Amino acid sequence: MANLQKFTLSDSWKDWSITLEVDLDILTVERATEINEFWSDADYRLRQANGDVVLAVIKMAAGRFIYAFLEIGGACVTKDEGGSNWTTTELHNQEGWGGSEEGNPFGWCGIRLVSADVEVDLDLEFKGA
């Protein structure tokens, strides 16, 4: 039986939330260290996660999804409605995340998107003119 755990990350400023499911048998400390150290600012992420490299990588993955959703103007995603596609294209198949694996929704990195609610509500006003 896989060691699965869900992590929900949120941003209170914009009321965004994202839930990731992680297979901790795949995303081990060793694998998380490899992913974290692939990217610049590894020490900073590690400090922000109080030295827990697994949490640092989970937070980094959540950030990748948030940026992707913001780029398209926001998204509401569920595991059954787009989650697997987003997981593959925006995480697994991106450089540094190890790729997808046939029949494994968690990919090499051990992370998949379960749900996300990232709405962009721009309240822009003209100043002067």
N, C-alpha and C. Protein backbone atom coordinates (compact mmCIF):
# COMPACT_ATOMS: atom_id res chain seq x y z
N MET A 1 0.84 -1.19 0.00
CA MET A 1 0.00 0.00 0.00
C MET A 1 0.88 1.24 0.00
N ALA A 2 0.56 2.16 -0.86
CA ALA A 2 1.34 3.39 -0.98
C ALA A 2 1.14 4.28 0.25
N ASN A 3 2.14 5.06 0.54
CA ASN A 3 2.11 6.02 1.65
C ASN A 3 1.67 7.37 1.08
N LEU A 4 0.35 7.55 0.92
CA LEU A 4 -0.20 8.75 0.30
C LEU A 4 -0.61 9.77 1.35
N GLN A 5 -0.32 11.03 1.05
CA GLN A 5 -0.72 12.10 1.95
C GLN A 5 -1.12 13.31 1.10
N LYS A 6 -2.20 13.97 1.52
CA LYS A 6 -2.65 15.19 0.83
C LYS A 6 -2.14 16.41 1.56
N PHE A 7 -1.76 17.41 0.77
CA PHE A 7 -1.28 18.67 1.30
C PHE A 7 -2.07 19.79 0.63
N THR A 8 -2.70 20.64 1.41
CA THR A 8 -3.40 21.79 0.87
C THR A 8 -2.61 23.03 1.22
N LEU A 9 -2.30 23.80 0.20
CA LEU A 9 -1.57 25.05 0.38
C LEU A 9 -2.49 26.17 -0.06
N SER A 10 -2.44 27.28 0.66
CA SER A 10 -3.34 28.38 0.31
C SER A 10 -2.62 29.71 0.44
N ASP A 11 -3.20 30.69 -0.21
CA ASP A 11 -2.70 32.05 -0.14
C ASP A 11 -3.85 32.91 0.35
N SER A 12 -3.76 33.39 1.55
CA SER A 12 -4.88 34.13 2.14
C SER A 12 -5.10 35.49 1.47
N TRP A 13 -4.08 36.04 0.86
CA TRP A 13 -4.21 37.35 0.21
C TRP A 13 -5.23 37.30 -0.92
N LYS A 14 -5.18 36.27 -1.73
CA LYS A 14 -6.09 36.14 -2.87
C LYS A 14 -7.04 34.96 -2.72
N ASP A 15 -7.04 34.29 -1.59
CA ASP A 15 -7.94 33.17 -1.35
C ASP A 15 -7.76 32.05 -2.37
N TRP A 16 -6.52 31.81 -2.78
CA TRP A 16 -6.20 30.71 -3.67
C TRP A 16 -5.93 29.47 -2.83
N SER A 17 -6.26 28.31 -3.38
CA SER A 17 -5.89 27.07 -2.70
C SER A 17 -5.56 26.00 -3.74
N ILE A 18 -4.72 25.10 -3.33
CA ILE A 18 -4.31 24.00 -4.19
C ILE A 18 -4.06 22.79 -3.30
N THR A 19 -4.54 21.64 -3.73
CA THR A 19 -4.33 20.40 -2.99
C THR A 19 -3.53 19.44 -3.85
N LEU A 20 -2.44 18.97 -3.30
CA LEU A 20 -1.60 17.99 -3.96
C LEU A 20 -1.64 16.70 -3.16
N GLU A 21 -1.58 15.59 -3.87
CA GLU A 21 -1.45 14.30 -3.21
C GLU A 21 -0.04 13.80 -3.50
N VAL A 22 0.62 13.33 -2.46
CA VAL A 22 2.02 12.95 -2.58
C VAL A 22 2.19 11.50 -2.14
N ASP A 23 2.89 10.74 -2.95
CA ASP A 23 3.26 9.37 -2.59
C ASP A 23 4.62 9.47 -1.92
N LEU A 24 4.62 9.39 -0.60
CA LEU A 24 5.86 9.56 0.17
C LEU A 24 6.80 8.36 0.05
N ASP A 25 6.33 7.28 -0.57
CA ASP A 25 7.24 6.18 -0.90
C ASP A 25 8.08 6.53 -2.13
N ILE A 26 7.57 7.44 -2.95
CA ILE A 26 8.31 7.92 -4.13
C ILE A 26 9.09 9.18 -3.80
N LEU A 27 8.41 10.18 -3.22
CA LEU A 27 9.08 11.43 -2.86
C LEU A 27 9.76 11.27 -1.51
N THR A 28 10.87 10.57 -1.55
CA THR A 28 11.67 10.36 -0.34
C THR A 28 12.54 11.59 -0.08
N VAL A 29 13.18 11.63 1.04
CA VAL A 29 14.10 12.72 1.35
C VAL A 29 15.19 12.80 0.28
N GLU A 30 15.69 11.66 -0.16
CA GLU A 30 16.75 11.64 -1.17
C GLU A 30 16.25 12.21 -2.49
N ARG A 31 15.06 11.80 -2.92
CA ARG A 31 14.53 12.30 -4.20
C ARG A 31 14.16 13.77 -4.08
N ALA A 32 13.58 14.16 -2.97
CA ALA A 32 13.24 15.57 -2.77
C ALA A 32 14.50 16.43 -2.77
N THR A 33 15.57 15.93 -2.18
CA THR A 33 16.84 16.66 -2.18
C THR A 33 17.34 16.83 -3.60
N GLU A 34 17.25 15.79 -4.41
CA GLU A 34 17.68 15.87 -5.81
C GLU A 34 16.87 16.92 -6.58
N ILE A 35 15.56 16.93 -6.39
CA ILE A 35 14.70 17.90 -7.06
C ILE A 35 15.02 19.30 -6.57
N ASN A 36 15.08 19.48 -5.27
CA ASN A 36 15.34 20.80 -4.69
C ASN A 36 16.68 21.36 -5.16
N GLU A 37 17.70 20.54 -5.17
CA GLU A 37 19.03 21.01 -5.53
C GLU A 37 19.21 21.20 -7.03
N PHE A 38 18.29 20.69 -7.84
CA PHE A 38 18.34 20.92 -9.28
C PHE A 38 18.13 22.40 -9.58
N TRP A 39 17.28 23.04 -8.78
CA TRP A 39 16.90 24.42 -9.00
C TRP A 39 17.75 25.37 -8.14
N SER A 40 17.90 26.60 -8.61
CA SER A 40 18.62 27.59 -7.81
C SER A 40 17.80 27.93 -6.57
N ASP A 41 18.46 28.51 -5.57
CA ASP A 41 17.84 28.90 -4.30
C ASP A 41 17.39 27.72 -3.44
N ALA A 42 18.05 26.58 -3.58
CA ALA A 42 17.69 25.39 -2.81
C ALA A 42 17.78 25.66 -1.30
N ASP A 43 18.82 26.35 -0.86
CA ASP A 43 18.98 26.63 0.57
C ASP A 43 17.86 27.52 1.09
N TYR A 44 17.46 28.49 0.30
CA TYR A 44 16.37 29.39 0.71
C TYR A 44 15.08 28.59 0.90
N ARG A 45 14.73 27.74 -0.08
CA ARG A 45 13.51 26.93 0.05
C ARG A 45 13.57 26.03 1.27
N LEU A 46 14.73 25.48 1.51
CA LEU A 46 14.90 24.60 2.67
C LEU A 46 14.70 25.37 3.98
N ARG A 47 15.24 26.57 4.06
CA ARG A 47 15.03 27.40 5.26
C ARG A 47 13.55 27.74 5.43
N GLN A 48 12.87 28.08 4.33
CA GLN A 48 11.45 28.43 4.39
C GLN A 48 10.60 27.25 4.86
N ALA A 49 11.08 26.03 4.63
CA ALA A 49 10.36 24.82 5.04
C ALA A 49 10.90 24.25 6.34
N ASN A 50 11.61 25.08 7.10
CA ASN A 50 12.18 24.66 8.39
C ASN A 50 13.03 23.40 8.28
N GLY A 51 13.77 23.30 7.16
CA GLY A 51 14.69 22.19 6.97
C GLY A 51 14.06 20.92 6.42
N ASP A 52 12.76 20.92 6.14
CA ASP A 52 12.08 19.73 5.62
C ASP A 52 12.06 19.80 4.10
N VAL A 53 12.97 19.07 3.48
CA VAL A 53 13.14 19.14 2.03
C VAL A 53 11.92 18.61 1.28
N VAL A 54 11.22 17.65 1.85
CA VAL A 54 10.00 17.13 1.21
C VAL A 54 8.95 18.24 1.14
N LEU A 55 8.74 18.94 2.24
CA LEU A 55 7.79 20.05 2.23
C LEU A 55 8.23 21.17 1.29
N ALA A 56 9.52 21.41 1.22
CA ALA A 56 10.04 22.44 0.31
C ALA A 56 9.70 22.11 -1.14
N VAL A 57 9.84 20.86 -1.52
CA VAL A 57 9.55 20.44 -2.89
C VAL A 57 8.04 20.46 -3.16
N ILE A 58 7.25 20.07 -2.19
CA ILE A 58 5.79 20.12 -2.35
C ILE A 58 5.35 21.57 -2.56
N LYS A 59 5.88 22.48 -1.79
CA LYS A 59 5.54 23.89 -1.93
C LYS A 59 5.99 24.42 -3.29
N MET A 60 7.16 24.00 -3.74
CA MET A 60 7.65 24.43 -5.05
C MET A 60 6.73 23.92 -6.16
N ALA A 61 6.28 22.68 -6.04
CA ALA A 61 5.36 22.12 -7.04
C ALA A 61 4.05 22.91 -7.05
N ALA A 62 3.53 23.23 -5.88
CA ALA A 62 2.30 24.02 -5.80
C ALA A 62 2.49 25.37 -6.48
N GLY A 63 3.63 25.97 -6.28
CA GLY A 63 3.92 27.25 -6.92
C GLY A 63 3.93 27.15 -8.44
N ARG A 64 4.48 26.06 -8.97
CA ARG A 64 4.49 25.87 -10.43
C ARG A 64 3.08 25.84 -10.98
N PHE A 65 2.19 25.13 -10.28
CA PHE A 65 0.80 25.08 -10.73
C PHE A 65 0.13 26.45 -10.63
N ILE A 66 0.33 27.16 -9.53
CA ILE A 66 -0.27 28.48 -9.35
C ILE A 66 0.15 29.41 -10.49
N TYR A 67 1.46 29.44 -10.80
CA TYR A 67 1.94 30.30 -11.88
C TYR A 67 1.31 29.92 -13.22
N ALA A 68 1.16 28.63 -13.47
CA ALA A 68 0.54 28.18 -14.72
C ALA A 68 -0.92 28.62 -14.79
N PHE A 69 -1.64 28.52 -13.67
CA PHE A 69 -3.04 28.93 -13.66
C PHE A 69 -3.18 30.44 -13.82
N LEU A 70 -2.29 31.20 -13.20
CA LEU A 70 -2.34 32.65 -13.34
C LEU A 70 -2.08 33.07 -14.78
N GLU A 71 -1.19 32.34 -15.43
CA GLU A 71 -0.86 32.66 -16.82
C GLU A 71 -2.06 32.55 -17.75
N ILE A 72 -3.00 31.66 -17.44
CA ILE A 72 -4.18 31.50 -18.29
C ILE A 72 -5.40 32.24 -17.73
N GLY A 73 -5.19 33.04 -16.71
CA GLY A 73 -6.29 33.82 -16.17
C GLY A 73 -7.07 33.14 -15.06
N GLY A 74 -6.50 32.09 -14.49
CA GLY A 74 -7.13 31.38 -13.39
C GLY A 74 -7.72 30.06 -13.81
N ALA A 75 -7.98 29.20 -12.84
CA ALA A 75 -8.54 27.88 -13.14
C ALA A 75 -9.11 27.26 -11.87
N CYS A 76 -10.14 26.46 -12.08
CA CYS A 76 -10.66 25.57 -11.03
C CYS A 76 -10.49 24.17 -11.58
N VAL A 77 -9.74 23.35 -10.87
CA VAL A 77 -9.36 22.03 -11.37
C VAL A 77 -9.69 21.00 -10.30
N THR A 78 -10.16 19.83 -10.75
CA THR A 78 -10.33 18.70 -9.85
C THR A 78 -9.54 17.52 -10.42
N LYS A 79 -9.36 16.52 -9.59
CA LYS A 79 -8.63 15.33 -10.02
C LYS A 79 -9.29 14.71 -11.25
N ASP A 80 -10.62 14.72 -11.26
CA ASP A 80 -11.36 14.10 -12.35
C ASP A 80 -11.53 15.01 -13.56
N GLU A 81 -11.40 16.31 -13.36
CA GLU A 81 -11.59 17.26 -14.44
C GLU A 81 -10.33 18.07 -14.68
N GLY A 82 -9.36 17.46 -15.34
CA GLY A 82 -8.16 18.17 -15.75
C GLY A 82 -6.94 18.00 -14.88
N GLY A 83 -7.13 17.48 -13.68
CA GLY A 83 -6.00 17.36 -12.76
C GLY A 83 -4.86 16.53 -13.30
N SER A 84 -5.17 15.40 -13.92
CA SER A 84 -4.09 14.54 -14.42
C SER A 84 -3.37 15.19 -15.59
N ASN A 85 -4.10 15.90 -16.45
CA ASN A 85 -3.45 16.58 -17.56
C ASN A 85 -2.53 17.69 -17.07
N TRP A 86 -3.02 18.49 -16.12
CA TRP A 86 -2.18 19.55 -15.56
C TRP A 86 -0.95 18.96 -14.87
N THR A 87 -1.13 17.86 -14.15
CA THR A 87 0.00 17.24 -13.46
C THR A 87 1.08 16.84 -14.44
N THR A 88 0.67 16.20 -15.55
CA THR A 88 1.65 15.73 -16.53
C THR A 88 2.32 16.88 -17.26
N THR A 89 1.54 17.84 -17.75
CA THR A 89 2.12 18.90 -18.58
C THR A 89 2.86 19.97 -17.77
N GLU A 90 2.34 20.32 -16.60
CA GLU A 90 2.94 21.43 -15.86
C GLU A 90 3.91 20.99 -14.76
N LEU A 91 4.02 19.69 -14.53
CA LEU A 91 4.95 19.25 -13.49
C LEU A 91 5.81 18.11 -13.99
N HIS A 92 5.24 16.96 -14.17
CA HIS A 92 6.04 15.77 -14.50
C HIS A 92 6.92 15.96 -15.72
N ASN A 93 6.41 16.56 -16.78
CA ASN A 93 7.18 16.67 -18.01
C ASN A 93 8.02 17.93 -18.11
N GLN A 94 8.11 18.67 -17.02
CA GLN A 94 8.97 19.84 -16.99
C GLN A 94 10.36 19.45 -16.49
N GLU A 95 11.34 20.16 -16.97
CA GLU A 95 12.71 19.88 -16.58
C GLU A 95 12.85 19.93 -15.05
N GLY A 96 13.57 18.97 -14.52
CA GLY A 96 13.85 18.94 -13.09
C GLY A 96 12.88 18.14 -12.25
N TRP A 97 11.79 17.62 -12.87
CA TRP A 97 10.78 16.90 -12.11
C TRP A 97 10.76 15.41 -12.45
N GLY A 98 11.61 14.95 -13.34
CA GLY A 98 11.83 13.52 -13.56
C GLY A 98 10.93 12.83 -14.56
N GLY A 99 9.90 13.48 -15.04
CA GLY A 99 9.06 12.89 -16.07
C GLY A 99 7.89 12.08 -15.53
N SER A 100 7.02 11.71 -16.46
CA SER A 100 5.88 10.88 -16.11
C SER A 100 6.26 9.42 -16.28
N GLU A 101 5.47 8.55 -15.67
CA GLU A 101 5.71 7.11 -15.75
C GLU A 101 4.41 6.42 -16.10
N GLU A 102 4.45 5.54 -17.07
CA GLU A 102 3.26 4.80 -17.52
C GLU A 102 2.54 4.16 -16.34
N GLY A 103 1.25 4.46 -16.21
CA GLY A 103 0.44 3.85 -15.16
C GLY A 103 0.65 4.39 -13.76
N ASN A 104 1.48 5.42 -13.62
CA ASN A 104 1.75 6.00 -12.31
C ASN A 104 1.33 7.46 -12.32
N PRO A 105 0.20 7.81 -11.71
CA PRO A 105 -0.27 9.20 -11.75
C PRO A 105 0.60 10.17 -10.97
N PHE A 106 1.55 9.65 -10.18
CA PHE A 106 2.42 10.49 -9.37
C PHE A 106 3.74 10.81 -10.05
N GLY A 107 4.03 10.14 -11.16
CA GLY A 107 5.27 10.39 -11.88
C GLY A 107 6.50 10.09 -11.05
N TRP A 108 7.64 10.43 -11.59
CA TRP A 108 8.92 10.19 -10.93
C TRP A 108 9.04 10.96 -9.62
N CYS A 109 8.43 12.16 -9.58
CA CYS A 109 8.56 13.03 -8.40
C CYS A 109 7.63 12.63 -7.27
N GLY A 110 6.58 11.85 -7.56
CA GLY A 110 5.67 11.40 -6.50
C GLY A 110 4.56 12.36 -6.14
N ILE A 111 4.29 13.35 -7.02
CA ILE A 111 3.31 14.39 -6.72
C ILE A 111 2.25 14.43 -7.82
N ARG A 112 0.98 14.62 -7.41
CA ARG A 112 -0.06 14.88 -8.40
C ARG A 112 -1.02 15.93 -7.88
N LEU A 113 -1.62 16.65 -8.82
CA LEU A 113 -2.59 17.67 -8.51
C LEU A 113 -3.95 17.02 -8.25
N VAL A 114 -4.56 17.35 -7.12
CA VAL A 114 -5.89 16.85 -6.80
C VAL A 114 -6.94 17.92 -7.10
N SER A 115 -6.68 19.13 -6.64
CA SER A 115 -7.62 20.21 -6.92
C SER A 115 -6.92 21.55 -6.79
N ALA A 116 -7.52 22.53 -7.44
CA ALA A 116 -7.00 23.90 -7.35
C ALA A 116 -8.12 24.87 -7.62
N ASP A 117 -8.08 25.96 -6.91
CA ASP A 117 -9.02 27.06 -7.13
C ASP A 117 -8.20 28.34 -7.13
N VAL A 118 -7.87 28.78 -8.33
CA VAL A 118 -7.04 29.97 -8.49
C VAL A 118 -7.80 30.91 -9.43
N GLU A 119 -8.50 31.85 -8.84
CA GLU A 119 -9.27 32.79 -9.63
C GLU A 119 -8.55 34.12 -9.69
N VAL A 120 -8.59 34.71 -10.86
CA VAL A 120 -7.98 36.02 -11.06
C VAL A 120 -9.11 37.02 -11.19
N ASP A 121 -9.21 37.87 -10.23
CA ASP A 121 -10.24 38.90 -10.22
C ASP A 121 -9.53 40.24 -10.16
N LEU A 122 -9.19 40.74 -11.32
CA LEU A 122 -8.46 42.01 -11.38
C LEU A 122 -9.42 43.17 -11.17
N ASP A 123 -9.17 43.94 -10.19
CA ASP A 123 -9.98 45.12 -9.90
C ASP A 123 -9.14 46.34 -10.27
N LEU A 124 -9.00 46.55 -11.57
CA LEU A 124 -8.15 47.62 -12.06
C LEU A 124 -8.95 48.90 -12.27
N GLU A 125 -8.35 49.99 -11.87
CA GLU A 125 -8.97 51.29 -12.06
C GLU A 125 -8.00 52.23 -12.73
N PHE A 126 -8.51 53.10 -13.63
CA PHE A 126 -7.67 54.09 -14.26
C PHE A 126 -7.36 55.20 -13.26
N LYS A 127 -6.13 55.63 -13.24
CA LYS A 127 -5.70 56.75 -12.40
C LYS A 127 -5.28 57.87 -13.32
N GLY A 128 -5.89 58.98 -13.18
CA GLY A 128 -5.56 60.13 -14.04
C GLY A 128 -5.96 59.88 -15.48
N ALA A 129 -5.38 60.50 -16.40
CA ALA A 129 -5.54 60.31 -17.85
C ALA A 129 -6.15 61.47 -18.45
